[in-house]
Amino acid sequence: MSVEKKGEKFKCNICGNEVTVTQVGGGTLVCCDEDMEKVG
């Protein structure tokens, strides 16, 4: 899933890492070789 705006939250469904977007630069977030899921 692509990053669209500041403040979005993403989670890795494999290891549980969580990320909050602080600066939008486009692209997607990947962890454990899988796209991260947007949770907020």
N, C-alpha and C. Protein backbone atom coordinates (compact mmCIF):
# COMPACT_ATOMS: atom_id res chain seq x y z
N MET A 1 0.85 -1.18 0.00
CA MET A 1 0.00 0.00 0.00
C MET A 1 0.89 1.23 0.00
N SER A 2 0.54 2.20 -0.81
CA SER A 2 1.39 3.38 -0.93
C SER A 2 1.14 4.40 0.19
N VAL A 3 2.18 5.14 0.50
CA VAL A 3 2.10 6.20 1.50
C VAL A 3 1.44 7.42 0.86
N GLU A 4 0.40 7.96 1.49
CA GLU A 4 -0.34 9.07 0.90
C GLU A 4 -0.26 10.36 1.71
N LYS A 5 -0.20 10.25 3.06
CA LYS A 5 -0.17 11.48 3.85
C LYS A 5 0.55 11.30 5.17
N LYS A 6 1.01 12.40 5.72
CA LYS A 6 1.70 12.44 7.01
C LYS A 6 0.74 11.96 8.10
N GLY A 7 1.25 11.17 9.03
CA GLY A 7 0.47 10.69 10.16
C GLY A 7 -0.13 9.31 9.97
N GLU A 8 -0.07 8.77 8.74
CA GLU A 8 -0.58 7.42 8.52
C GLU A 8 0.26 6.42 9.32
N LYS A 9 -0.37 5.32 9.73
CA LYS A 9 0.33 4.28 10.48
C LYS A 9 0.27 2.98 9.70
N PHE A 10 1.41 2.27 9.71
CA PHE A 10 1.52 1.00 9.00
C PHE A 10 2.06 -0.04 9.96
N LYS A 11 1.67 -1.31 9.74
CA LYS A 11 2.11 -2.40 10.60
C LYS A 11 2.54 -3.59 9.73
N CYS A 12 3.60 -4.27 10.16
CA CYS A 12 4.05 -5.50 9.52
C CYS A 12 3.28 -6.66 10.13
N ASN A 13 2.61 -7.44 9.29
CA ASN A 13 1.83 -8.57 9.78
C ASN A 13 2.69 -9.78 10.13
N ILE A 14 3.98 -9.72 9.85
CA ILE A 14 4.87 -10.84 10.15
C ILE A 14 5.56 -10.65 11.49
N CYS A 15 6.26 -9.50 11.66
CA CYS A 15 7.04 -9.30 12.90
C CYS A 15 6.40 -8.31 13.87
N GLY A 16 5.40 -7.55 13.40
CA GLY A 16 4.71 -6.62 14.30
C GLY A 16 5.27 -5.21 14.34
N ASN A 17 6.34 -4.92 13.56
CA ASN A 17 6.86 -3.55 13.52
C ASN A 17 5.75 -2.58 13.13
N GLU A 18 5.75 -1.39 13.76
CA GLU A 18 4.78 -0.36 13.43
C GLU A 18 5.52 0.92 13.05
N VAL A 19 4.99 1.64 12.04
CA VAL A 19 5.62 2.85 11.51
C VAL A 19 4.58 3.95 11.40
N THR A 20 4.95 5.17 11.81
CA THR A 20 4.11 6.35 11.60
C THR A 20 4.84 7.25 10.62
N VAL A 21 4.15 7.68 9.56
CA VAL A 21 4.75 8.50 8.51
C VAL A 21 4.96 9.92 9.03
N THR A 22 6.20 10.43 8.90
CA THR A 22 6.50 11.80 9.31
C THR A 22 6.78 12.70 8.11
N GLN A 23 7.10 12.08 6.95
CA GLN A 23 7.33 12.84 5.73
C GLN A 23 6.96 11.96 4.55
N VAL A 24 6.11 12.47 3.66
CA VAL A 24 5.66 11.70 2.51
C VAL A 24 6.65 11.86 1.36
N GLY A 25 7.11 10.74 0.84
CA GLY A 25 8.03 10.77 -0.28
C GLY A 25 7.58 9.85 -1.40
N GLY A 26 6.38 9.27 -1.26
CA GLY A 26 5.88 8.34 -2.26
C GLY A 26 6.39 6.94 -2.01
N GLY A 27 5.98 6.01 -2.83
CA GLY A 27 6.43 4.63 -2.70
C GLY A 27 5.62 3.85 -1.68
N THR A 28 6.14 2.68 -1.32
CA THR A 28 5.47 1.81 -0.37
C THR A 28 6.43 1.45 0.76
N LEU A 29 5.90 1.04 1.88
CA LEU A 29 6.71 0.60 3.01
C LEU A 29 6.74 -0.93 3.00
N VAL A 30 7.95 -1.49 3.15
CA VAL A 30 8.14 -2.93 3.10
C VAL A 30 8.90 -3.38 4.34
N CYS A 31 8.47 -4.49 4.93
CA CYS A 31 9.14 -5.10 6.08
C CYS A 31 9.03 -6.61 5.91
N CYS A 32 10.06 -7.34 6.26
CA CYS A 32 10.07 -8.80 6.13
C CYS A 32 9.71 -9.24 4.71
N ASP A 33 10.17 -8.46 3.72
CA ASP A 33 9.94 -8.72 2.30
C ASP A 33 8.47 -8.70 1.89
N GLU A 34 7.59 -8.05 2.70
CA GLU A 34 6.17 -7.92 2.37
C GLU A 34 5.76 -6.47 2.57
N ASP A 35 4.80 -5.99 1.76
CA ASP A 35 4.25 -4.65 1.95
C ASP A 35 3.60 -4.56 3.33
N MET A 36 3.79 -3.43 4.00
CA MET A 36 3.17 -3.21 5.30
C MET A 36 1.70 -2.83 5.11
N GLU A 37 0.87 -3.15 6.10
CA GLU A 37 -0.57 -2.87 6.04
C GLU A 37 -0.87 -1.54 6.71
N LYS A 38 -1.69 -0.71 6.06
CA LYS A 38 -2.09 0.56 6.68
C LYS A 38 -3.11 0.28 7.77
N VAL A 39 -2.86 0.83 8.97
CA VAL A 39 -3.77 0.62 10.11
C VAL A 39 -4.37 1.91 10.62
N GLY A 40 -3.99 3.03 10.08
CA GLY A 40 -4.57 4.29 10.54
C GLY A 40 -4.07 5.48 9.79
